[in-house]
PDB file of N, CA and C in Angstrom:
ATOM      1  N   MET A   1      21.600   5.728  -4.323  1.00  0.00           N
ATOM      2  CA  MET A   1      19.850   5.892  -3.985  1.00  0.00           C
ATOM      3  C   MET A   1      19.280   4.639  -2.433  1.00  0.00           C
ATOM      4  N   ASP A   2      19.000   5.254  -1.844  1.00  0.00           N
ATOM      5  CA  ASP A   2      18.560   4.882  -0.161  1.00  0.00           C
ATOM      6  C   ASP A   2      17.033   3.501  -0.388  1.00  0.00           C
ATOM      7  N   TYR A   3      17.272   2.320  -0.499  1.00  0.00           N
ATOM      8  CA  TYR A   3      15.993   2.144  -0.293  1.00  0.00           C
ATOM      9  C   TYR A   3      14.933   1.314   0.660  1.00  0.00           C
ATOM     10  N   ALA A   4      14.141   1.148   1.091  1.00  0.00           N
ATOM     11  CA  ALA A   4      13.587   1.000   2.268  1.00  0.00           C
ATOM     12  C   ALA A   4      12.248   0.025   2.127  1.00  0.00           C
ATOM     13  N   ALA A   5      11.588  -0.536   2.473  1.00  0.00           N
ATOM     14  CA  ALA A   5      10.530  -1.045   2.915  1.00  0.00           C
ATOM     15  C   ALA A   5       8.893  -0.266   3.568  1.00  0.00           C
ATOM     16  N   LEU A   6       8.031  -0.378   3.647  1.00  0.00           N
ATOM     17  CA  LEU A   6       6.990   0.465   3.858  1.00  0.00           C
ATOM     18  C   LEU A   6       5.400  -0.467   4.387  1.00  0.00           C
ATOM     19  N   LEU A   7       5.442  -1.361   5.605  1.00  0.00           N
ATOM     20  CA  LEU A   7       4.075  -1.550   5.857  1.00  0.00           C
ATOM     21  C   LEU A   7       3.222  -0.807   6.521  1.00  0.00           C
ATOM     22  N   ILE A   8       2.205  -0.634   5.197  1.00  0.00           N
ATOM     23  CA  ILE A   8       0.883   0.314   6.226  1.00  0.00           C
ATOM     24  C   ILE A   8      -0.173  -0.442   6.419  1.00  0.00           C
ATOM     25  N   ARG A   9      -1.160   0.094   7.243  1.00  0.00           N
ATOM     26  CA  ARG A   9      -2.616  -0.522   7.576  1.00  0.00           C
ATOM     27  C   ARG A   9      -3.634   0.527   7.202  1.00  0.00           C
ATOM     28  N   VAL A  10      -4.405   0.384   6.424  1.00  0.00           N
ATOM     29  CA  VAL A  10      -4.782   1.740   6.224  1.00  0.00           C
ATOM     30  C   VAL A  10      -6.442   1.313   7.211  1.00  0.00           C
ATOM     31  N   SER A  11      -7.193   2.111   8.034  1.00  0.00           N
ATOM     32  CA  SER A  11      -8.385   2.107   7.667  1.00  0.00           C
ATOM     33  C   SER A  11      -9.719   3.364   7.460  1.00  0.00           C
ATOM     34  N   GLY A  12     -10.856   2.911   7.838  1.00  0.00           N
ATOM     35  CA  GLY A  12     -12.309   3.617   6.758  1.00  0.00           C
ATOM     36  C   GLY A  12     -12.920   3.439   6.025  1.00  0.00           C
ATOM     37  N   VAL A  13     -13.219   3.767   5.156  1.00  0.00           N
ATOM     38  CA  VAL A  13     -13.566   3.693   4.522  1.00  0.00           C
ATOM     39  C   VAL A  13     -13.381   3.167   2.996  1.00  0.00           C
ATOM     40  N   VAL A  14     -11.924   1.232   3.166  1.00  0.00           N
ATOM     41  CA  VAL A  14     -11.388   1.515   2.104  1.00  0.00           C
ATOM     42  C   VAL A  14     -11.671   0.050   1.009  1.00  0.00           C
ATOM     43  N   GLN A  15     -12.453  -0.337   1.599  1.00  0.00           N
ATOM     44  CA  GLN A  15     -12.961  -1.828   1.471  1.00  0.00           C
ATOM     45  C   GLN A  15     -14.506  -1.354   0.189  1.00  0.00           C
ATOM     46  N   GLY A  16     -14.369  -2.127  -0.761  1.00  0.00           N
ATOM     47  CA  GLY A  16     -15.412  -1.878  -1.542  1.00  0.00           C
ATOM     48  C   GLY A  16     -15.525   0.084  -2.485  1.00  0.00           C
ATOM     49  N   VAL A  17     -14.333   0.326  -2.239  1.00  0.00           N
ATOM     50  CA  VAL A  17     -14.161   1.515  -3.155  1.00  0.00           C
ATOM     51  C   VAL A  17     -13.574   2.096  -3.944  1.00  0.00           C
ATOM     52  N   GLY A  18     -12.452   0.727  -4.405  1.00  0.00           N
ATOM     53  CA  GLY A  18     -11.535   0.547  -5.838  1.00  0.00           C
ATOM     54  C   GLY A  18     -10.438   0.578  -4.771  1.00  0.00           C
ATOM     55  N   PHE A  19      -9.877   0.744  -3.479  1.00  0.00           N
ATOM     56  CA  PHE A  19      -8.595   1.101  -2.745  1.00  0.00           C
ATOM     57  C   PHE A  19      -7.530   0.108  -3.276  1.00  0.00           C
ATOM     58  N   ARG A  20      -7.732  -0.482  -3.429  1.00  0.00           N
ATOM     59  CA  ARG A  20      -6.899  -1.807  -3.705  1.00  0.00           C
ATOM     60  C   ARG A  20      -6.078  -1.529  -4.981  1.00  0.00           C
ATOM     61  N   TYR A  21      -7.191  -0.885  -6.577  1.00  0.00           N
ATOM     62  CA  TYR A  21      -7.010  -1.022  -7.800  1.00  0.00           C
ATOM     63  C   TYR A  21      -5.937   0.167  -7.639  1.00  0.00           C
ATOM     64  N   PHE A  22      -6.857   1.636  -6.808  1.00  0.00           N
ATOM     65  CA  PHE A  22      -5.699   2.674  -6.541  1.00  0.00           C
ATOM     66  C   PHE A  22      -4.797   2.426  -6.727  1.00  0.00           C
ATOM     67  N   THR A  23      -3.945   2.182  -5.161  1.00  0.00           N
ATOM     68  CA  THR A  23      -3.150   1.108  -4.583  1.00  0.00           C
ATOM     69  C   THR A  23      -2.147   1.049  -5.398  1.00  0.00           C
ATOM     70  N   TYR A  24      -2.634  -0.056  -6.169  1.00  0.00           N
ATOM     71  CA  TYR A  24      -1.820  -0.989  -7.175  1.00  0.00           C
ATOM     72  C   TYR A  24      -1.700   0.053  -8.498  1.00  0.00           C
ATOM     73  N   ARG A  25      -2.374   0.970  -9.127  1.00  0.00           N
ATOM     74  CA  ARG A  25      -2.152   1.923  -9.901  1.00  0.00           C
ATOM     75  C   ARG A  25      -0.698   3.272  -9.210  1.00  0.00           C
ATOM     76  N   GLU A  26      -1.120   3.029  -8.225  1.00  0.00           N
ATOM     77  CA  GLU A  26       0.263   4.521  -7.747  1.00  0.00           C
ATOM     78  C   GLU A  26       1.964   3.496  -7.839  1.00  0.00           C
ATOM     79  N   ALA A  27       1.098   2.502  -7.259  1.00  0.00           N
ATOM     80  CA  ALA A  27       2.543   1.176  -6.841  1.00  0.00           C
ATOM     81  C   ALA A  27       3.109   1.365  -7.855  1.00  0.00           C
ATOM     82  N   SER A  28       2.473   1.161  -8.925  1.00  0.00           N
ATOM     83  CA  SER A  28       3.045   0.780 -10.482  1.00  0.00           C
ATOM     84  C   SER A  28       3.576   1.967 -10.860  1.00  0.00           C
ATOM     85  N   LEU A  29       3.178   2.435 -10.972  1.00  0.00           N
ATOM     86  CA  LEU A  29       3.363   3.926 -11.662  1.00  0.00           C
ATOM     87  C   LEU A  29       4.826   3.992 -10.616  1.00  0.00           C
ATOM     88  N   LEU A  30       4.986   3.989  -9.650  1.00  0.00           N
ATOM     89  CA  LEU A  30       5.898   4.259  -9.378  1.00  0.00           C
ATOM     90  C   LEU A  30       7.095   3.332  -9.316  1.00  0.00           C
ATOM     91  N   ASN A  31       7.076   2.684 -10.034  1.00  0.00           N
ATOM     92  CA  ASN A  31       7.969   0.952  -9.969  1.00  0.00           C
ATOM     93  C   ASN A  31       7.878   0.349  -8.977  1.00  0.00           C
ATOM     94  N   LEU A  32       7.309   0.644  -7.985  1.00  0.00           N
ATOM     95  CA  LEU A  32       7.638  -0.389  -6.328  1.00  0.00           C
ATOM     96  C   LEU A  32       7.192  -1.854  -6.398  1.00  0.00           C
ATOM     97  N   SER A  33       7.845  -2.281  -5.638  1.00  0.00           N
ATOM     98  CA  SER A  33       7.394  -3.664  -5.558  1.00  0.00           C
ATOM     99  C   SER A  33       6.269  -4.080  -3.720  1.00  0.00           C
ATOM    100  N   GLY A  34       5.449  -4.875  -4.072  1.00  0.00           N
ATOM    101  CA  GLY A  34       5.132  -5.530  -3.132  1.00  0.00           C
ATOM    102  C   GLY A  34       3.518  -5.862  -3.360  1.00  0.00           C
ATOM    103  N   TYR A  35       2.308  -5.787  -2.194  1.00  0.00           N
ATOM    104  CA  TYR A  35       1.684  -6.541  -1.947  1.00  0.00           C
ATOM    105  C   TYR A  35       0.673  -5.290  -1.636  1.00  0.00           C
ATOM    106  N   VAL A  36      -0.699  -5.145  -1.726  1.00  0.00           N
ATOM    107  CA  VAL A  36      -1.765  -4.742  -1.456  1.00  0.00           C
ATOM    108  C   VAL A  36      -2.913  -5.744  -1.267  1.00  0.00           C
ATOM    109  N   LYS A  37      -3.448  -5.749   0.044  1.00  0.00           N
ATOM    110  CA  LYS A  37      -4.891  -7.068   0.321  1.00  0.00           C
ATOM    111  C   LYS A  37      -6.109  -6.265   0.895  1.00  0.00           C
ATOM    112  N   ASN A  38      -6.868  -6.693   1.612  1.00  0.00           N
ATOM    113  CA  ASN A  38      -8.199  -6.225   2.485  1.00  0.00           C
ATOM    114  C   ASN A  38      -7.655  -7.224   3.907  1.00  0.00           C
ATOM    115  N   LEU A  39      -7.827  -6.580   4.349  1.00  0.00           N
ATOM    116  CA  LEU A  39      -8.065  -7.534   5.941  1.00  0.00           C
ATOM    117  C   LEU A  39      -9.486  -7.744   6.035  1.00  0.00           C
ATOM    118  N   ILE A  40      -9.488  -9.186   7.434  1.00  0.00           N
ATOM    119  CA  ILE A  40     -11.367  -9.246   7.662  1.00  0.00           C
ATOM    120  C   ILE A  40     -11.444  -8.275   8.654  1.00  0.00           C
ATOM    121  N   ASP A  41     -10.549  -7.573   9.402  1.00  0.00           N
ATOM    122  CA  ASP A  41     -11.616  -6.625  10.158  1.00  0.00           C
ATOM    123  C   ASP A  41     -11.630  -5.034   9.038  1.00  0.00           C
ATOM    124  N   GLY A  42     -11.369  -5.073   8.414  1.00  0.00           N
ATOM    125  CA  GLY A  42     -12.207  -3.867   7.353  1.00  0.00           C
ATOM    126  C   GLY A  42     -10.798  -3.037   6.790  1.00  0.00           C
ATOM    127  N   ARG A  43     -10.110  -2.809   7.259  1.00  0.00           N
ATOM    128  CA  ARG A  43      -8.848  -2.190   7.096  1.00  0.00           C
ATOM    129  C   ARG A  43      -8.168  -2.971   5.482  1.00  0.00           C
ATOM    130  N   VAL A  44      -7.481  -2.471   4.984  1.00  0.00           N
ATOM    131  CA  VAL A  44      -6.236  -2.793   3.889  1.00  0.00           C
ATOM    132  C   VAL A  44      -4.742  -2.164   4.182  1.00  0.00           C
ATOM    133  N   GLU A  45      -4.508  -3.529   3.811  1.00  0.00           N
ATOM    134  CA  GLU A  45      -2.721  -3.674   4.337  1.00  0.00           C
ATOM    135  C   GLU A  45      -2.521  -3.177   3.146  1.00  0.00           C
ATOM    136  N   VAL A  46      -0.873  -2.616   2.955  1.00  0.00           N
ATOM    137  CA  VAL A  46       0.135  -2.200   1.749  1.00  0.00           C
ATOM    138  C   VAL A  46       1.054  -2.917   2.254  1.00  0.00           C
ATOM    139  N   TYR A  47       2.165  -3.402   1.477  1.00  0.00           N
ATOM    140  CA  TYR A  47       3.730  -3.635   1.683  1.00  0.00           C
ATOM    141  C   TYR A  47       4.093  -3.031   0.451  1.00  0.00           C
ATOM    142  N   ALA A  48       5.376  -2.288   0.527  1.00  0.00           N
ATOM    143  CA  ALA A  48       6.098  -1.551  -0.811  1.00  0.00           C
ATOM    144  C   ALA A  48       7.357  -1.520   0.052  1.00  0.00           C
ATOM    145  N   GLU A  49       8.312  -1.406  -1.894  1.00  0.00           N
ATOM    146  CA  GLU A  49       9.652  -1.845  -1.689  1.00  0.00           C
ATOM    147  C   GLU A  49       9.803  -0.825  -2.607  1.00  0.00           C
ATOM    148  N   GLY A  50      11.349  -0.235  -2.509  1.00  0.00           N
ATOM    149  CA  GLY A  50      11.489   0.553  -3.008  1.00  0.00           C
ATOM    150  C   GLY A  50      12.689   1.697  -3.244  1.00  0.00           C
ATOM    151  N   PRO A  51      12.681   2.434  -3.899  1.00  0.00           N
ATOM    152  CA  PRO A  51      13.507   3.997  -3.315  1.00  0.00           C
ATOM    153  C   PRO A  51      12.489   4.736  -2.341  1.00  0.00           C
ATOM    154  N   LYS A  52      13.178   4.865  -1.142  1.00  0.00           N
ATOM    155  CA  LYS A  52      12.341   5.980   0.352  1.00  0.00           C
ATOM    156  C   LYS A  52      11.643   7.279  -0.321  1.00  0.00           C
ATOM    157  N   SER A  53      12.728   7.804  -1.420  1.00  0.00           N
ATOM    158  CA  SER A  53      11.422   9.368  -2.457  1.00  0.00           C
ATOM    159  C   SER A  53      10.673   8.542  -2.749  1.00  0.00           C
ATOM    160  N   LEU A  54      10.552   7.483  -2.939  1.00  0.00           N
ATOM    161  CA  LEU A  54       9.192   6.769  -4.223  1.00  0.00           C
ATOM    162  C   LEU A  54       8.345   6.703  -3.092  1.00  0.00           C
ATOM    163  N   LEU A  55       8.792   5.970  -1.890  1.00  0.00           N
ATOM    164  CA  LEU A  55       7.611   5.360  -1.059  1.00  0.00           C
ATOM    165  C   LEU A  55       7.042   6.414  -0.349  1.00  0.00           C
ATOM    166  N   ASN A  56       8.394   7.668  -0.018  1.00  0.00           N
ATOM    167  CA  ASN A  56       7.194   8.632   0.419  1.00  0.00           C
ATOM    168  C   ASN A  56       6.306   9.543  -0.571  1.00  0.00           C
ATOM    169  N   GLN A  57       6.586   9.405  -1.482  1.00  0.00           N
ATOM    170  CA  GLN A  57       5.589   9.832  -2.165  1.00  0.00           C
ATOM    171  C   GLN A  57       4.492   9.047  -2.823  1.00  0.00           C
ATOM    172  N   PHE A  58       4.413   7.974  -2.398  1.00  0.00           N
ATOM    173  CA  PHE A  58       3.354   6.656  -2.298  1.00  0.00           C
ATOM    174  C   PHE A  58       2.868   6.922  -1.189  1.00  0.00           C
ATOM    175  N   LEU A  59       3.241   7.083  -0.282  1.00  0.00           N
ATOM    176  CA  LEU A  59       2.205   7.183   0.993  1.00  0.00           C
ATOM    177  C   LEU A  59       1.870   8.452   0.727  1.00  0.00           C
ATOM    178  N   ASN A  60       2.458   9.853   0.729  1.00  0.00           N
ATOM    179  CA  ASN A  60       1.601  11.121   0.225  1.00  0.00           C
ATOM    180  C   ASN A  60       0.627  10.701  -0.569  1.00  0.00           C
ATOM    181  N   THR A  61       0.426   9.875  -1.529  1.00  0.00           N
ATOM    182  CA  THR A  61      -0.943   9.036  -2.016  1.00  0.00           C
ATOM    183  C   THR A  61      -1.848   8.954  -1.356  1.00  0.00           C
ATOM    184  N   LEU A  62      -1.311   7.311  -1.049  1.00  0.00           N
ATOM    185  CA  LEU A  62      -2.633   6.931  -0.433  1.00  0.00           C
ATOM    186  C   LEU A  62      -3.261   7.650   1.103  1.00  0.00           C
ATOM    187  N   ARG A  63      -2.517   9.140   1.134  1.00  0.00           N
ATOM    188  CA  ARG A  63      -3.364   9.533   2.380  1.00  0.00           C
ATOM    189  C   ARG A  63      -4.574  10.035   1.944  1.00  0.00           C
ATOM    190  N   ILE A  64      -4.212  10.771   0.094  1.00  0.00           N
ATOM    191  CA  ILE A  64      -5.343  11.101  -0.001  1.00  0.00           C
ATOM    192  C   ILE A  64      -6.739  10.189  -0.766  1.00  0.00           C
ATOM    193  N   GLY A  65      -6.012   9.261  -1.535  1.00  0.00           N
ATOM    194  CA  GLY A  65      -6.985   7.790  -0.882  1.00  0.00           C
ATOM    195  C   GLY A  65      -7.832   7.953  -2.456  1.00  0.00           C
ATOM    196  N   PRO A  66      -8.401   6.848  -2.903  1.00  0.00           N
ATOM    197  CA  PRO A  66      -9.418   7.068  -3.820  1.00  0.00           C
ATOM    198  C   PRO A  66     -10.787   7.684  -3.833  1.00  0.00           C
ATOM    199  N   ARG A  67     -11.104   8.534  -4.732  1.00  0.00           N
ATOM    200  CA  ARG A  67     -12.162   9.046  -4.865  1.00  0.00           C
ATOM    201  C   ARG A  67     -12.953   8.605  -3.952  1.00  0.00           C
ATOM    202  N   PHE A  68     -13.534   8.082  -4.206  1.00  0.00           N
ATOM    203  CA  PHE A  68     -14.729   7.367  -3.576  1.00  0.00           C
ATOM    204  C   PHE A  68     -14.329   6.633  -1.848  1.00  0.00           C
ATOM    205  N   GLY A  69     -13.147   6.362  -1.606  1.00  0.00           N
ATOM    206  CA  GLY A  69     -12.975   6.354  -0.167  1.00  0.00           C
ATOM    207  C   GLY A  69     -13.242   7.031   0.880  1.00  0.00           C
ATOM    208  N   HIS A  70     -12.572   6.958   2.189  1.00  0.00           N
ATOM    209  CA  HIS A  70     -12.669   7.896   3.073  1.00  0.00           C
ATOM    210  C   HIS A  70     -11.213   7.336   3.836  1.00  0.00           C
ATOM    211  N   ILE A  71     -10.693   7.683   4.316  1.00  0.00           N
ATOM    212  CA  ILE A  71      -9.234   7.312   5.377  1.00  0.00           C
ATOM    213  C   ILE A  71      -9.575   8.182   6.785  1.00  0.00           C
ATOM    214  N   ASP A  72      -9.465   7.295   7.333  1.00  0.00           N
ATOM    215  CA  ASP A  72      -9.444   7.494   9.012  1.00  0.00           C
ATOM    216  C   ASP A  72      -8.117   7.173   9.131  1.00  0.00           C
ATOM    217  N   ASP A  73      -7.909   6.705   9.467  1.00  0.00           N
ATOM    218  CA  ASP A  73      -6.256   6.458  10.078  1.00  0.00           C
ATOM    219  C   ASP A  73      -5.101   5.618   9.062  1.00  0.00           C
ATOM    220  N   ILE A  74      -3.695   6.140   8.719  1.00  0.00           N
ATOM    221  CA  ILE A  74      -2.905   5.319   8.503  1.00  0.00           C
ATOM    222  C   ILE A  74      -1.825   4.911   9.304  1.00  0.00           C
ATOM    223  N   GLU A  75      -1.933   3.215   9.739  1.00  0.00           N
ATOM    224  CA  GLU A  75      -0.395   3.019  10.357  1.00  0.00           C
ATOM    225  C   GLU A  75       0.691   3.183   9.848  1.00  0.00           C
ATOM    226  N   VAL A  76       1.520   3.833   9.472  1.00  0.00           N
ATOM    227  CA  VAL A  76       2.876   3.018   9.152  1.00  0.00           C
ATOM    228  C   VAL A  76       3.711   2.206  10.257  1.00  0.00           C
ATOM    229  N   GLU A  77       4.960   1.684   9.230  1.00  0.00           N
ATOM    230  CA  GLU A  77       6.151   0.815   9.713  1.00  0.00           C
ATOM    231  C   GLU A  77       7.468   0.910   8.928  1.00  0.00           C
ATOM    232  N   TRP A  78       8.262   1.898   8.651  1.00  0.00           N
ATOM    233  CA  TRP A  78       9.145   1.888   8.018  1.00  0.00           C
ATOM    234  C   TRP A  78      10.115   0.477   8.568  1.00  0.00           C
ATOM    235  N   GLN A  79      10.731  -0.272   7.251  1.00  0.00           N
ATOM    236  CA  GLN A  79      11.109  -1.548   7.446  1.00  0.00           C
ATOM    237  C   GLN A  79      12.550  -1.951   6.375  1.00  0.00           C
ATOM    238  N   LYS A  80      13.298  -2.282   6.659  1.00  0.00           N
ATOM    239  CA  LYS A  80      14.411  -2.556   6.250  1.00  0.00           C
ATOM    240  C   LYS A  80      14.001  -3.411   4.525  1.00  0.00           C
ATOM    241  N   TYR A  81      14.982  -3.110   4.014  1.00  0.00           N
ATOM    242  CA  TYR A  81      14.578  -2.571   2.691  1.00  0.00           C
ATOM    243  C   TYR A  81      15.037  -4.541   2.058  1.00  0.00           C
ATOM    244  N   GLU A  82      14.585  -5.440   1.744  1.00  0.00           N
ATOM    245  CA  GLU A  82      14.739  -7.087   1.881  1.00  0.00           C
ATOM    246  C   GLU A  82      14.231  -7.450   0.223  1.00  0.00           C
ATOM    247  N   LYS A  83      13.792  -6.521  -0.981  1.00  0.00           N
ATOM    248  CA  LYS A  83      13.670  -6.867  -1.645  1.00  0.00           C
ATOM    249  C   LYS A  83      12.715  -8.420  -2.113  1.00  0.00           C
ATOM    250  N   LYS A  84      11.760  -8.421  -1.302  1.00  0.00           N
ATOM    251  CA  LYS A  84      11.358  -9.468  -1.171  1.00  0.00           C
ATOM    252  C   LYS A  84      10.396 -10.047  -2.534  1.00  0.00           C
ATOM    253  N   TYR A  85       9.595  -9.116  -2.487  1.00  0.00           N
ATOM    254  CA  TYR A  85       8.995  -9.081  -4.312  1.00  0.00           C
ATOM    255  C   TYR A  85       9.387  -8.253  -5.268  1.00  0.00           C
ATOM    256  N   GLU A  86       9.331  -9.113  -7.117  1.00  0.00           N
ATOM    257  CA  GLU A  86       9.750  -8.942  -8.108  1.00  0.00           C
ATOM    258  C   GLU A  86       8.516  -7.437  -8.105  1.00  0.00           C
ATOM    259  N   LYS A  87       7.571  -7.371  -8.083  1.00  0.00           N
ATOM    260  CA  LYS A  87       6.716  -7.125  -8.548  1.00  0.00           C
ATOM    261  C   LYS A  87       5.873  -6.471  -7.607  1.00  0.00           C
ATOM    262  N   PHE A  88       4.362  -5.876  -8.172  1.00  0.00           N
ATOM    263  CA  PHE A  88       2.876  -5.417  -7.476  1.00  0.00           C
ATOM    264  C   PHE A  88       1.867  -5.876  -7.206  1.00  0.00           C
ATOM    265  N   SER A  89       1.595  -6.528  -6.528  1.00  0.00           N
ATOM    266  CA  SER A  89       0.568  -7.624  -6.491  1.00  0.00           C
ATOM    267  C   SER A  89      -0.754  -6.850  -5.723  1.00  0.00           C
ATOM    268  N   ILE A  90      -1.686  -7.538  -6.127  1.00  0.00           N
ATOM    269  CA  ILE A  90      -3.079  -7.318  -5.153  1.00  0.00           C
ATOM    270  C   ILE A  90      -3.632  -8.665  -5.010  1.00  0.00           C
ATOM    271  N   ILE A  91      -3.449  -8.832  -3.722  1.00  0.00           N
ATOM    272  CA  ILE A  91      -4.052 -10.148  -3.303  1.00  0.00           C
ATOM    273  C   ILE A  91      -5.449 -10.266  -2.855  1.00  0.00           C
ATOM    274  N   THR A  92      -6.168 -11.102  -3.309  1.00  0.00           N
ATOM    275  CA  THR A  92      -7.708 -11.111  -3.294  1.00  0.00           C
ATOM    276  C   THR A  92      -8.999 -11.809  -1.986  1.00  0.00           C
ATOM    277  N   ASP A  93      -7.485 -12.675  -1.673  1.00  0.00           N
ATOM    278  CA  ASP A  93      -8.275 -13.646  -0.400  1.00  0.00           C
ATOM    279  C   ASP A  93      -7.531 -12.199   0.725  1.00  0.00           C
ATOM    280  N   TYR A  94      -7.575 -13.195   1.932  1.00  0.00           N
ATOM    281  CA  TYR A  94      -7.196 -12.262   3.376  1.00  0.00           C
ATOM    282  C   TYR A  94      -6.484 -13.415   3.764  1.00  0.00           C
ATOM    283  N   GLY A  95      -5.650 -13.671   2.759  1.00  0.00           N
ATOM    284  CA  GLY A  95      -4.245 -14.688   3.486  1.00  0.00           C
ATOM    285  C   GLY A  95      -4.258 -14.978   3.998  1.00  0.00           C
ATOM    286  N   TYR A  96      -5.264 -16.134   4.223  1.00  0.00           N
ATOM    287  CA  TYR A  96      -5.096 -17.325   5.700  1.00  0.00           C
ATOM    288  C   TYR A  96      -4.326 -19.185   4.912  1.00  0.00           C
TER     289      TYR A  96
END
């Protein structure tokens, strides 16, 4: 199986609409590891690791977003799989 990692930054109406919880649920269903967090500039950052086929599925789901969100843009950076995380988490601070 081909493994990879994704660094994703999502802009639009993505804070205060359940986007992190939506992302967490979808990543957990696919058994991906990584994190999701709000950024100070209003975007949401997602880092996910796992099988490339599941990451593609995850990315397609994020492009739709949660019911009350609105996606304007998604920046996607494919990275090398490094098994940095054991599970998928929601980071509740801005990472300072």
